[in-house]
Amino acid sequence: MDALPSPPPRSTLARWWTDSRASLPAAIGLVLIASGCIYGLMWAVVGGSWEGPVSLRKPILFGISGGLTLLSLGWAWAQLPWRRGDRWLAGSLAVALLIEVVAIDYQQWRGVPSHFNRQTPFDSFLYDALGLLILWVTLIAVDLMIRFFWQKTALPADMLLAARGGLVLLVVSCLLGIWVSVLGELRQQAGLEPERFGLAGVPKFPHGAVIHALQWLPLLAWGARLAGLPEQARLRLVASATLGTLLVGFFAVAQTLLGRSRWDTTSATLLVLIVGLLLLAAPAVAIGVAIVKKVPATKSREAGENRQGLGL
């Protein structure tokens, strides 16, 4: 049984995987990333189409994406106070995503689609199981998101904003994924292509556009701290990146609902995309400039300390 709630953990990225709630998600996350990379090498050597329901694209993307998601959720758990049942929830999350990726890989090896496939009772069972697993992952992500808004953590303001924004966007992505499945089922029953909306809209586009915010927003906050920027500057940079991600997600939703392909933009959606990308790029550029300026200053300070030590 898990321990009773304790004070918030230390505000650090160091050794978060040693938290017993994070250890299994971290381990399975690394396995999934490795599997996606292996499939990527296979695709690079063997070749073949990137698109299509039976290509190697799904084992590659689901492996890497699922693994990154597990790592970031494990990190998020390690920042929260203990709660009874946490270890069980973290373990069930890791197992759910492992089963999902294994099922997708298995269907690819069988040469049949993993999604929207009801050709046989077994295929239908696997597809329904995938839906239930993702629903469970979504519920756990919602729980973590809520806890980050009402439970105290030791995270600085910029990292807390990154965690909150990343979890909100992860939940949005999961809900969009559920919408993709429901929409695809209805279209398939009507004899239409399940992975389209309107003439050329791509429903999975908005789902994928924001799913990894829980990785890049905390990494951005960490990079800003590494660059030696003060907390208020770091907070502004994370806020800019969060807003930029939201706008990119809004662009993807608009393109889909308008029945347009990913890059068949209107003037309005193109403007939203450009603003979103600028808001995302600006923090990365600011951090890069700060790091470049910091290196000579650090070397100069160290040289001065060495001269003082030698009595020069």
C-alpha atoms as a PDB file:
ATOM      1  CA  MET A   1       0.000   0.000   0.000  1.00  0.00           C
ATOM      2  CA  ASP A   2       1.293   3.496  -0.824  1.00  0.00           C
ATOM      3  CA  ALA A   3       2.424   5.813   1.894  1.00  0.00           C
ATOM      4  CA  LEU A   4       0.263   8.601   3.221  1.00  0.00           C
ATOM      5  CA  PRO A   5       0.637  12.053   1.613  1.00  0.00           C
ATOM      6  CA  SER A   6       3.990  13.686   2.312  1.00  0.00           C
ATOM      7  CA  PRO A   7       5.470  17.152   1.688  1.00  0.00           C
ATOM      8  CA  PRO A   8       6.120  18.134  -1.936  1.00  0.00           C
ATOM      9  CA  PRO A   9       9.312  16.710  -3.439  1.00  0.00           C
ATOM     10  CA  ARG A  10      12.384  18.711  -4.310  1.00  0.00           C
ATOM     11  CA  SER A  11      12.129  21.028  -7.277  1.00  0.00           C
ATOM     12  CA  THR A  12      14.638  19.345  -9.576  1.00  0.00           C
ATOM     13  CA  LEU A  13      14.911  17.312 -12.739  1.00  0.00           C
ATOM     14  CA  ALA A  14      17.726  15.239 -11.244  1.00  0.00           C
ATOM     15  CA  ARG A  15      17.010  11.552 -10.609  1.00  0.00           C
ATOM     16  CA  TRP A  16      13.239  11.936 -10.780  1.00  0.00           C
ATOM     17  CA  TRP A  17      13.058   8.394 -12.160  1.00  0.00           C
ATOM     18  CA  THR A  18      14.052   7.016  -8.726  1.00  0.00           C
ATOM     19  CA  ASP A  19      10.598   7.958  -7.419  1.00  0.00           C
ATOM     20  CA  SER A  20       8.744   4.637  -7.190  1.00  0.00           C
ATOM     21  CA  ARG A  21       5.779   6.118  -9.077  1.00  0.00           C
ATOM     22  CA  ALA A  22       8.034   7.137 -11.957  1.00  0.00           C
ATOM     23  CA  SER A  23      10.362   4.138 -12.204  1.00  0.00           C
ATOM     24  CA  LEU A  24       8.060   1.794 -14.178  1.00  0.00           C
ATOM     25  CA  PRO A  25       6.794   4.485 -16.588  1.00  0.00           C
ATOM     26  CA  ALA A  26      10.414   5.544 -17.166  1.00  0.00           C
ATOM     27  CA  ALA A  27      11.617   1.992 -17.810  1.00  0.00           C
ATOM     28  CA  ILE A  28       8.770   1.088 -20.168  1.00  0.00           C
ATOM     29  CA  GLY A  29       9.034   4.501 -21.813  1.00  0.00           C
ATOM     30  CA  LEU A  30      12.655   3.830 -22.727  1.00  0.00           C
ATOM     31  CA  VAL A  31      11.706   0.393 -24.099  1.00  0.00           C
ATOM     32  CA  LEU A  32       8.990   1.932 -26.288  1.00  0.00           C
ATOM     33  CA  ILE A  33      11.330   4.632 -27.600  1.00  0.00           C
ATOM     34  CA  ALA A  34      13.910   1.958 -28.420  1.00  0.00           C
ATOM     35  CA  SER A  35      11.275  -0.083 -30.266  1.00  0.00           C
ATOM     36  CA  GLY A  36      10.221   2.946 -32.307  1.00  0.00           C
ATOM     37  CA  CYS A  37      13.858   3.664 -33.199  1.00  0.00           C
ATOM     38  CA  ILE A  38      14.412   0.042 -34.247  1.00  0.00           C
ATOM     39  CA  TYR A  39      11.387   0.207 -36.538  1.00  0.00           C
ATOM     40  CA  GLY A  40      12.763   3.492 -37.860  1.00  0.00           C
ATOM     41  CA  LEU A  41      16.026   1.786 -38.794  1.00  0.00           C
ATOM     42  CA  MET A  42      14.077  -1.023 -40.436  1.00  0.00           C
ATOM     43  CA  TRP A  43      12.118   1.494 -42.480  1.00  0.00           C
ATOM     44  CA  ALA A  44      15.342   3.309 -43.461  1.00  0.00           C
ATOM     45  CA  VAL A  45      16.918   0.031 -44.635  1.00  0.00           C
ATOM     46  CA  VAL A  46      13.907  -1.732 -46.143  1.00  0.00           C
ATOM     47  CA  GLY A  47      12.088   1.363 -47.366  1.00  0.00           C
ATOM     48  CA  GLY A  48       8.433   1.410 -48.262  1.00  0.00           C
ATOM     49  CA  SER A  49       5.600   3.887 -48.004  1.00  0.00           C
ATOM     50  CA  TRP A  50       5.414   6.197 -44.985  1.00  0.00           C
ATOM     51  CA  GLU A  51       1.671   6.637 -45.326  1.00  0.00           C
ATOM     52  CA  GLY A  52      -0.997   3.977 -45.320  1.00  0.00           C
ATOM     53  CA  PRO A  53      -2.696   1.902 -42.611  1.00  0.00           C
ATOM     54  CA  VAL A  54      -0.129  -0.937 -42.707  1.00  0.00           C
ATOM     55  CA  SER A  55       3.143   0.988 -43.093  1.00  0.00           C
ATOM     56  CA  LEU A  56       5.942   1.065 -40.519  1.00  0.00           C
ATOM     57  CA  ARG A  57       4.927   4.626 -39.673  1.00  0.00           C
ATOM     58  CA  LYS A  58       2.601   3.561 -36.854  1.00  0.00           C
ATOM     59  CA  PRO A  59       5.086   1.310 -34.994  1.00  0.00           C
ATOM     60  CA  ILE A  60       7.675   4.086 -35.298  1.00  0.00           C
ATOM     61  CA  LEU A  61       5.484   6.978 -34.200  1.00  0.00           C
ATOM     62  CA  PHE A  62       3.462   5.158 -31.548  1.00  0.00           C
ATOM     63  CA  GLY A  63       6.613   3.661 -30.037  1.00  0.00           C
ATOM     64  CA  ILE A  64       8.512   6.940 -29.780  1.00  0.00           C
ATOM     65  CA  SER A  65       5.469   9.036 -28.899  1.00  0.00           C
ATOM     66  CA  GLY A  66       4.200   6.583 -26.284  1.00  0.00           C
ATOM     67  CA  GLY A  67       7.646   6.319 -24.752  1.00  0.00           C
ATOM     68  CA  LEU A  68       8.108  10.085 -24.509  1.00  0.00           C
ATOM     69  CA  THR A  69       4.656  10.445 -22.994  1.00  0.00           C
ATOM     70  CA  LEU A  70       5.444   7.846 -20.325  1.00  0.00           C
ATOM     71  CA  LEU A  71       8.743   9.533 -19.445  1.00  0.00           C
ATOM     72  CA  SER A  72       7.125  12.941 -19.074  1.00  0.00           C
ATOM     73  CA  LEU A  73       4.185  11.619 -17.032  1.00  0.00           C
ATOM     74  CA  GLY A  74       6.633   9.787 -14.771  1.00  0.00           C
ATOM     75  CA  TRP A  75       8.484  13.077 -14.262  1.00  0.00           C
ATOM     76  CA  ALA A  76       5.189  14.819 -13.508  1.00  0.00           C
ATOM     77  CA  TRP A  77       4.259  12.218 -10.868  1.00  0.00           C
ATOM     78  CA  ALA A  78       7.639  12.685  -9.187  1.00  0.00           C
ATOM     79  CA  GLN A  79       6.880  16.380  -8.640  1.00  0.00           C
ATOM     80  CA  LEU A  80       3.638  15.743  -6.729  1.00  0.00           C
ATOM     81  CA  PRO A  81       3.059  14.848  -3.075  1.00  0.00           C
ATOM     82  CA  TRP A  82       2.312  11.198  -2.438  1.00  0.00           C
ATOM     83  CA  ARG A  83      -1.252   9.978  -2.626  1.00  0.00           C
ATOM     84  CA  ARG A  84      -2.539   6.515  -1.872  1.00  0.00           C
ATOM     85  CA  GLY A  85      -2.952   4.600  -5.133  1.00  0.00           C
ATOM     86  CA  ASP A  86      -0.372   6.624  -7.084  1.00  0.00           C
ATOM     87  CA  ARG A  87       1.959   3.698  -7.613  1.00  0.00           C
ATOM     88  CA  TRP A  88      -0.853   1.519  -8.925  1.00  0.00           C
ATOM     89  CA  LEU A  89      -2.085   4.259 -11.293  1.00  0.00           C
ATOM     90  CA  ALA A  90       1.418   4.883 -12.633  1.00  0.00           C
ATOM     91  CA  GLY A  91       1.940   1.166 -13.201  1.00  0.00           C
ATOM     92  CA  SER A  92      -1.411   0.742 -14.942  1.00  0.00           C
ATOM     93  CA  LEU A  93      -0.637   3.718 -17.192  1.00  0.00           C
ATOM     94  CA  ALA A  94       2.713   2.220 -18.205  1.00  0.00           C
ATOM     95  CA  VAL A  95       1.179  -1.198 -18.896  1.00  0.00           C
ATOM     96  CA  ALA A  96      -1.695   0.351 -20.867  1.00  0.00           C
ATOM     97  CA  LEU A  97       0.631   2.194 -23.240  1.00  0.00           C
ATOM     98  CA  LEU A  98       2.885  -0.860 -23.543  1.00  0.00           C
ATOM     99  CA  ILE A  99      -0.076  -3.048 -24.542  1.00  0.00           C
ATOM    100  CA  GLU A 100      -1.270  -0.410 -27.007  1.00  0.00           C
ATOM    101  CA  VAL A 101       2.079  -0.239 -28.799  1.00  0.00           C
ATOM    102  CA  VAL A 102       2.509  -4.030 -28.783  1.00  0.00           C
ATOM    103  CA  ALA A 103      -0.975  -4.449 -30.302  1.00  0.00           C
ATOM    104  CA  ILE A 104      -0.210  -1.891 -33.018  1.00  0.00           C
ATOM    105  CA  ASP A 105       3.108  -3.607 -33.788  1.00  0.00           C
ATOM    106  CA  TYR A 106       1.395  -7.003 -33.874  1.00  0.00           C
ATOM    107  CA  GLN A 107      -1.198  -5.835 -36.385  1.00  0.00           C
ATOM    108  CA  GLN A 108       1.521  -4.331 -38.542  1.00  0.00           C
ATOM    109  CA  TRP A 109       3.373  -7.652 -38.601  1.00  0.00           C
ATOM    110  CA  ARG A 110       0.130  -9.389 -39.544  1.00  0.00           C
ATOM    111  CA  GLY A 111      -0.175  -6.969 -42.445  1.00  0.00           C
ATOM    112  CA  VAL A 112      -3.531  -5.535 -41.355  1.00  0.00           C
ATOM    113  CA  PRO A 113      -4.543  -2.080 -40.081  1.00  0.00           C
ATOM    114  CA  SER A 114      -4.538  -1.518 -36.326  1.00  0.00           C
ATOM    115  CA  HIS A 115      -7.174   1.235 -36.448  1.00  0.00           C
ATOM    116  CA  PHE A 116     -10.665   1.214 -37.941  1.00  0.00           C
ATOM    117  CA  ASN A 117     -10.265  -2.479 -38.657  1.00  0.00           C
ATOM    118  CA  ARG A 118     -13.312  -4.673 -38.072  1.00  0.00           C
ATOM    119  CA  GLN A 119     -12.624  -7.236 -40.761  1.00  0.00           C
ATOM    120  CA  THR A 120     -12.673 -10.118 -38.250  1.00  0.00           C
ATOM    121  CA  PRO A 121     -13.933 -10.511 -34.651  1.00  0.00           C
ATOM    122  CA  PHE A 122     -10.295 -10.576 -33.471  1.00  0.00           C
ATOM    123  CA  ASP A 123      -9.431  -7.346 -35.300  1.00  0.00           C
ATOM    124  CA  SER A 124     -12.538  -5.717 -33.890  1.00  0.00           C
ATOM    125  CA  PHE A 125     -11.628  -6.876 -30.370  1.00  0.00           C
ATOM    126  CA  LEU A 126      -8.122  -5.424 -30.654  1.00  0.00           C
ATOM    127  CA  TYR A 127      -9.417  -2.103 -31.959  1.00  0.00           C
ATOM    128  CA  ASP A 128     -11.961  -1.820 -29.129  1.00  0.00           C
ATOM    129  CA  ALA A 129      -9.226  -2.719 -26.624  1.00  0.00           C
ATOM    130  CA  LEU A 130      -7.067   0.106 -27.981  1.00  0.00           C
ATOM    131  CA  GLY A 131      -9.955   2.507 -27.429  1.00  0.00           C
ATOM    132  CA  LEU A 132     -10.427   1.406 -23.817  1.00  0.00           C
ATOM    133  CA  LEU A 133      -6.705   1.694 -23.115  1.00  0.00           C
ATOM    134  CA  ILE A 134      -6.575   5.252 -24.455  1.00  0.00           C
ATOM    135  CA  LEU A 135      -9.664   6.157 -22.432  1.00  0.00           C
ATOM    136  CA  TRP A 136      -7.881   4.920 -19.292  1.00  0.00           C
ATOM    137  CA  VAL A 137      -4.739   6.900 -20.168  1.00  0.00           C
ATOM    138  CA  THR A 138      -6.894   9.998 -20.704  1.00  0.00           C
ATOM    139  CA  LEU A 139      -8.555   9.651 -17.292  1.00  0.00           C
ATOM    140  CA  ILE A 140      -5.167   9.345 -15.586  1.00  0.00           C
ATOM    141  CA  ALA A 141      -3.858  12.390 -17.477  1.00  0.00           C
ATOM    142  CA  VAL A 142      -6.931  14.372 -16.359  1.00  0.00           C
ATOM    143  CA  ASP A 143      -6.283  13.357 -12.751  1.00  0.00           C
ATOM    144  CA  LEU A 144      -2.647  14.494 -12.941  1.00  0.00           C
ATOM    145  CA  MET A 145      -3.642  17.754 -14.603  1.00  0.00           C
ATOM    146  CA  ILE A 146      -6.133  18.578 -11.847  1.00  0.00           C
ATOM    147  CA  ARG A 147      -3.602  17.746  -9.126  1.00  0.00           C
ATOM    148  CA  PHE A 148      -1.055  20.150 -10.613  1.00  0.00           C
ATOM    149  CA  PHE A 149      -3.574  22.965 -10.246  1.00  0.00           C
ATOM    150  CA  TRP A 150      -4.608  22.303  -6.641  1.00  0.00           C
ATOM    151  CA  GLN A 151      -1.704  20.493  -4.960  1.00  0.00           C
ATOM    152  CA  LYS A 152       1.464  22.274  -3.919  1.00  0.00           C
ATOM    153  CA  THR A 153       4.754  21.396  -5.594  1.00  0.00           C
ATOM    154  CA  ALA A 154       8.282  22.686  -5.059  1.00  0.00           C
ATOM    155  CA  LEU A 155       8.591  23.660  -8.736  1.00  0.00           C
ATOM    156  CA  PRO A 156       9.568  27.247  -9.617  1.00  0.00           C
ATOM    157  CA  ALA A 157       6.901  29.321 -11.355  1.00  0.00           C
ATOM    158  CA  ASP A 158       8.243  28.771 -14.878  1.00  0.00           C
ATOM    159  CA  MET A 159       8.533  24.988 -14.524  1.00  0.00           C
ATOM    160  CA  LEU A 160       5.109  24.810 -12.873  1.00  0.00           C
ATOM    161  CA  LEU A 161       3.580  26.699 -15.802  1.00  0.00           C
ATOM    162  CA  ALA A 162       5.352  24.326 -18.200  1.00  0.00           C
ATOM    163  CA  ALA A 163       3.979  21.273 -16.371  1.00  0.00           C
ATOM    164  CA  ARG A 164       0.455  22.667 -16.164  1.00  0.00           C
ATOM    165  CA  GLY A 165       0.414  23.797 -19.785  1.00  0.00           C
ATOM    166  CA  GLY A 166       1.871  20.508 -20.978  1.00  0.00           C
ATOM    167  CA  LEU A 167      -0.677  18.445 -19.056  1.00  0.00           C
ATOM    168  CA  VAL A 168      -3.608  20.560 -20.274  1.00  0.00           C
ATOM    169  CA  LEU A 169      -2.445  20.157 -23.873  1.00  0.00           C
ATOM    170  CA  LEU A 170      -1.888  16.428 -23.368  1.00  0.00           C
ATOM    171  CA  VAL A 171      -5.469  16.061 -22.145  1.00  0.00           C
ATOM    172  CA  VAL A 172      -6.699  18.102 -25.112  1.00  0.00           C
ATOM    173  CA  SER A 173      -4.720  15.830 -27.433  1.00  0.00           C
ATOM    174  CA  CYS A 174      -6.188  12.697 -25.812  1.00  0.00           C
ATOM    175  CA  LEU A 175      -9.722  14.076 -26.160  1.00  0.00           C
ATOM    176  CA  LEU A 176      -9.022  14.902 -29.799  1.00  0.00           C
ATOM    177  CA  GLY A 177      -7.775  11.338 -30.258  1.00  0.00           C
ATOM    178  CA  ILE A 178     -11.066  10.011 -28.880  1.00  0.00           C
ATOM    179  CA  TRP A 179     -12.909  12.341 -31.265  1.00  0.00           C
ATOM    180  CA  VAL A 180     -10.827  10.964 -34.144  1.00  0.00           C
ATOM    181  CA  SER A 181     -11.888   7.409 -33.230  1.00  0.00           C
ATOM    182  CA  VAL A 182     -15.588   8.240 -32.840  1.00  0.00           C
ATOM    183  CA  LEU A 183     -15.630  10.291 -36.040  1.00  0.00           C
ATOM    184  CA  GLY A 184     -13.819   7.554 -37.947  1.00  0.00           C
ATOM    185  CA  GLU A 185     -16.297   4.924 -36.762  1.00  0.00           C
ATOM    186  CA  LEU A 186     -19.263   7.022 -37.898  1.00  0.00           C
ATOM    187  CA  ARG A 187     -17.691   7.734 -41.270  1.00  0.00           C
ATOM    188  CA  GLN A 188     -16.770   4.084 -41.759  1.00  0.00           C
ATOM    189  CA  GLN A 189     -20.355   3.028 -41.029  1.00  0.00           C
ATOM    190  CA  ALA A 190     -21.488   5.546 -43.644  1.00  0.00           C
ATOM    191  CA  GLY A 191     -19.096   4.050 -46.204  1.00  0.00           C
ATOM    192  CA  LEU A 192     -16.672   6.984 -46.067  1.00  0.00           C
ATOM    193  CA  GLU A 193     -12.926   7.093 -45.482  1.00  0.00           C
ATOM    194  CA  PRO A 194     -12.513   7.030 -41.674  1.00  0.00           C
ATOM    195  CA  GLU A 195      -9.319   9.112 -41.534  1.00  0.00           C
ATOM    196  CA  ARG A 196     -10.717  12.147 -43.330  1.00  0.00           C
ATOM    197  CA  PHE A 197     -12.985  15.060 -42.424  1.00  0.00           C
ATOM    198  CA  GLY A 198     -14.803  16.817 -45.213  1.00  0.00           C
ATOM    199  CA  LEU A 199     -12.929  16.911 -48.488  1.00  0.00           C
ATOM    200  CA  ALA A 200      -9.316  16.636 -47.261  1.00  0.00           C
ATOM    201  CA  GLY A 201      -9.251  17.347 -43.503  1.00  0.00           C
ATOM    202  CA  VAL A 202      -6.926  15.159 -41.399  1.00  0.00           C
ATOM    203  CA  PRO A 203      -8.509  14.575 -37.946  1.00  0.00           C
ATOM    204  CA  LYS A 204      -5.304  13.139 -36.439  1.00  0.00           C
ATOM    205  CA  PHE A 205      -3.447  16.374 -37.317  1.00  0.00           C
ATOM    206  CA  PRO A 206      -4.627  18.420 -34.285  1.00  0.00           C
ATOM    207  CA  HIS A 207      -4.220  15.357 -32.055  1.00  0.00           C
ATOM    208  CA  GLY A 208      -0.543  15.127 -32.947  1.00  0.00           C
ATOM    209  CA  ALA A 209       0.111  18.880 -33.025  1.00  0.00           C
ATOM    210  CA  VAL A 210      -0.049  19.371 -29.240  1.00  0.00           C
ATOM    211  CA  ILE A 211       0.535  15.908 -27.764  1.00  0.00           C
ATOM    212  CA  HIS A 212       4.198  16.513 -26.886  1.00  0.00           C
ATOM    213  CA  ALA A 213       3.901  19.871 -25.133  1.00  0.00           C
ATOM    214  CA  LEU A 214       4.587  18.078 -21.829  1.00  0.00           C
ATOM    215  CA  GLN A 215       8.073  17.351 -23.146  1.00  0.00           C
ATOM    216  CA  TRP A 216       9.123  20.560 -24.858  1.00  0.00           C
ATOM    217  CA  LEU A 217       7.689  23.078 -22.365  1.00  0.00           C
ATOM    218  CA  PRO A 218       9.565  21.676 -19.306  1.00  0.00           C
ATOM    219  CA  LEU A 219      12.693  21.253 -21.450  1.00  0.00           C
ATOM    220  CA  LEU A 220      12.371  24.892 -22.461  1.00  0.00           C
ATOM    221  CA  ALA A 221      12.104  25.940 -18.803  1.00  0.00           C
ATOM    222  CA  TRP A 222      15.124  23.781 -17.969  1.00  0.00           C
ATOM    223  CA  GLY A 223      17.107  25.279 -20.850  1.00  0.00           C
ATOM    224  CA  ALA A 224      16.255  28.808 -19.706  1.00  0.00           C
ATOM    225  CA  ARG A 225      17.513  27.970 -16.210  1.00  0.00           C
ATOM    226  CA  LEU A 226      20.673  26.432 -17.705  1.00  0.00           C
ATOM    227  CA  ALA A 227      21.212  29.677 -19.615  1.00  0.00           C
ATOM    228  CA  GLY A 228      21.181  31.580 -16.314  1.00  0.00           C
ATOM    229  CA  LEU A 229      18.035  33.596 -17.047  1.00  0.00           C
ATOM    230  CA  PRO A 230      16.119  35.021 -14.056  1.00  0.00           C
ATOM    231  CA  GLU A 231      12.791  33.470 -13.073  1.00  0.00           C
ATOM    232  CA  GLN A 232      10.599  36.234 -14.508  1.00  0.00           C
ATOM    233  CA  ALA A 233      12.344  35.967 -17.873  1.00  0.00           C
ATOM    234  CA  ARG A 234      11.960  32.184 -17.801  1.00  0.00           C
ATOM    235  CA  LEU A 235       8.281  32.550 -16.964  1.00  0.00           C
ATOM    236  CA  ARG A 236       7.722  34.868 -19.941  1.00  0.00           C
ATOM    237  CA  LEU A 237       9.514  32.470 -22.286  1.00  0.00           C
ATOM    238  CA  VAL A 238       7.445  29.479 -21.132  1.00  0.00           C
ATOM    239  CA  ALA A 239       4.247  31.541 -21.426  1.00  0.00           C
ATOM    240  CA  SER A 240       5.201  32.493 -24.990  1.00  0.00           C
ATOM    241  CA  ALA A 241       5.867  28.865 -25.937  1.00  0.00           C
ATOM    242  CA  THR A 242       2.615  27.726 -24.302  1.00  0.00           C
ATOM    243  CA  LEU A 243       0.593  30.308 -26.230  1.00  0.00           C
ATOM    244  CA  GLY A 244       2.452  29.402 -29.413  1.00  0.00           C
ATOM    245  CA  THR A 245       1.591  25.722 -28.948  1.00  0.00           C
ATOM    246  CA  LEU A 246      -2.063  26.620 -28.380  1.00  0.00           C
ATOM    247  CA  LEU A 247      -2.114  28.624 -31.614  1.00  0.00           C
ATOM    248  CA  VAL A 248      -0.487  25.803 -33.574  1.00  0.00           C
ATOM    249  CA  GLY A 249      -3.116  23.459 -32.136  1.00  0.00           C
ATOM    250  CA  PHE A 250      -5.871  25.913 -33.070  1.00  0.00           C
ATOM    251  CA  PHE A 251      -4.441  26.094 -36.604  1.00  0.00           C
ATOM    252  CA  ALA A 252      -4.535  22.296 -36.894  1.00  0.00           C
ATOM    253  CA  VAL A 253      -8.127  22.137 -35.638  1.00  0.00           C
ATOM    254  CA  ALA A 254      -9.219  24.893 -38.022  1.00  0.00           C
ATOM    255  CA  GLN A 255      -7.569  23.225 -41.019  1.00  0.00           C
ATOM    256  CA  THR A 256      -9.306  19.948 -40.188  1.00  0.00           C
ATOM    257  CA  LEU A 257     -12.754  21.407 -39.582  1.00  0.00           C
ATOM    258  CA  LEU A 258     -12.486  23.413 -42.809  1.00  0.00           C
ATOM    259  CA  GLY A 259     -11.903  20.129 -44.645  1.00  0.00           C
ATOM    260  CA  ARG A 260      -8.455  21.212 -45.810  1.00  0.00           C
ATOM    261  CA  SER A 261      -5.232  19.214 -45.836  1.00  0.00           C
ATOM    262  CA  ARG A 262      -2.501  20.143 -43.366  1.00  0.00           C
ATOM    263  CA  TRP A 263      -0.832  22.883 -45.403  1.00  0.00           C
ATOM    264  CA  ASP A 264      -3.662  23.955 -47.699  1.00  0.00           C
ATOM    265  CA  THR A 265      -4.066  27.141 -45.678  1.00  0.00           C
ATOM    266  CA  THR A 266      -6.350  30.122 -45.872  1.00  0.00           C
ATOM    267  CA  SER A 267      -4.964  33.600 -45.180  1.00  0.00           C
ATOM    268  CA  ALA A 268      -6.460  33.493 -41.662  1.00  0.00           C
ATOM    269  CA  THR A 269      -5.152  30.055 -40.720  1.00  0.00           C
ATOM    270  CA  LEU A 270      -1.727  30.878 -42.176  1.00  0.00           C
ATOM    271  CA  LEU A 271      -1.570  33.989 -39.988  1.00  0.00           C
ATOM    272  CA  VAL A 272      -2.433  31.920 -36.902  1.00  0.00           C
ATOM    273  CA  LEU A 273       0.272  29.397 -37.803  1.00  0.00           C
ATOM    274  CA  ILE A 274       2.926  32.070 -38.353  1.00  0.00           C
ATOM    275  CA  VAL A 275       2.164  33.816 -35.047  1.00  0.00           C
ATOM    276  CA  GLY A 276       2.175  30.470 -33.237  1.00  0.00           C
ATOM    277  CA  LEU A 277       5.521  29.438 -34.725  1.00  0.00           C
ATOM    278  CA  LEU A 278       7.055  32.824 -33.895  1.00  0.00           C
ATOM    279  CA  LEU A 279       5.890  32.529 -30.286  1.00  0.00           C
ATOM    280  CA  LEU A 280       7.462  29.065 -30.177  1.00  0.00           C
ATOM    281  CA  ALA A 281      10.700  30.067 -31.883  1.00  0.00           C
ATOM    282  CA  ALA A 282      11.344  33.256 -29.921  1.00  0.00           C
ATOM    283  CA  PRO A 283      12.008  31.497 -26.570  1.00  0.00           C
ATOM    284  CA  ALA A 284      14.349  28.976 -28.217  1.00  0.00           C
ATOM    285  CA  VAL A 285      16.312  31.807 -29.859  1.00  0.00           C
ATOM    286  CA  ALA A 286      16.448  33.803 -26.603  1.00  0.00           C
ATOM    287  CA  ILE A 287      17.772  30.797 -24.696  1.00  0.00           C
ATOM    288  CA  GLY A 288      20.338  30.049 -27.404  1.00  0.00           C
ATOM    289  CA  VAL A 289      21.602  33.648 -27.329  1.00  0.00           C
ATOM    290  CA  ALA A 290      21.783  33.596 -23.513  1.00  0.00           C
ATOM    291  CA  ILE A 291      23.805  30.363 -23.553  1.00  0.00           C
ATOM    292  CA  VAL A 292      26.220  31.751 -26.188  1.00  0.00           C
ATOM    293  CA  LYS A 293      26.757  34.868 -24.056  1.00  0.00           C
ATOM    294  CA  LYS A 294      27.137  32.841 -20.878  1.00  0.00           C
ATOM    295  CA  VAL A 295      29.994  30.623 -22.095  1.00  0.00           C
ATOM    296  CA  PRO A 296      32.618  33.410 -22.663  1.00  0.00           C
ATOM    297  CA  ALA A 297      31.559  35.124 -19.439  1.00  0.00           C
ATOM    298  CA  THR A 298      31.994  31.883 -17.495  1.00  0.00           C
ATOM    299  CA  LYS A 299      35.431  31.248 -19.037  1.00  0.00           C
ATOM    300  CA  SER A 300      36.499  34.824 -18.290  1.00  0.00           C
ATOM    301  CA  ARG A 301      35.381  34.511 -14.659  1.00  0.00           C
ATOM    302  CA  GLU A 302      37.161  31.177 -14.258  1.00  0.00           C
ATOM    303  CA  ALA A 303      40.353  32.639 -15.777  1.00  0.00           C
ATOM    304  CA  GLY A 304      40.179  35.551 -13.343  1.00  0.00           C
ATOM    305  CA  GLU A 305      39.745  33.198 -10.400  1.00  0.00           C
ATOM    306  CA  ASN A 306      42.736  31.143 -11.570  1.00  0.00           C
ATOM    307  CA  ARG A 307      44.917  34.278 -11.815  1.00  0.00           C
ATOM    308  CA  GLN A 308      43.887  35.284  -8.321  1.00  0.00           C
ATOM    309  CA  GLY A 309      44.712  31.811  -7.055  1.00  0.00           C
ATOM    310  CA  LEU A 310      48.183  32.075  -8.565  1.00  0.00           C
ATOM    311  CA  GLY A 311      48.683  35.531  -7.075  1.00  0.00           C
ATOM    312  CA  LEU A 312      48.941  37.226 -10.444  1.00  0.00           C
END
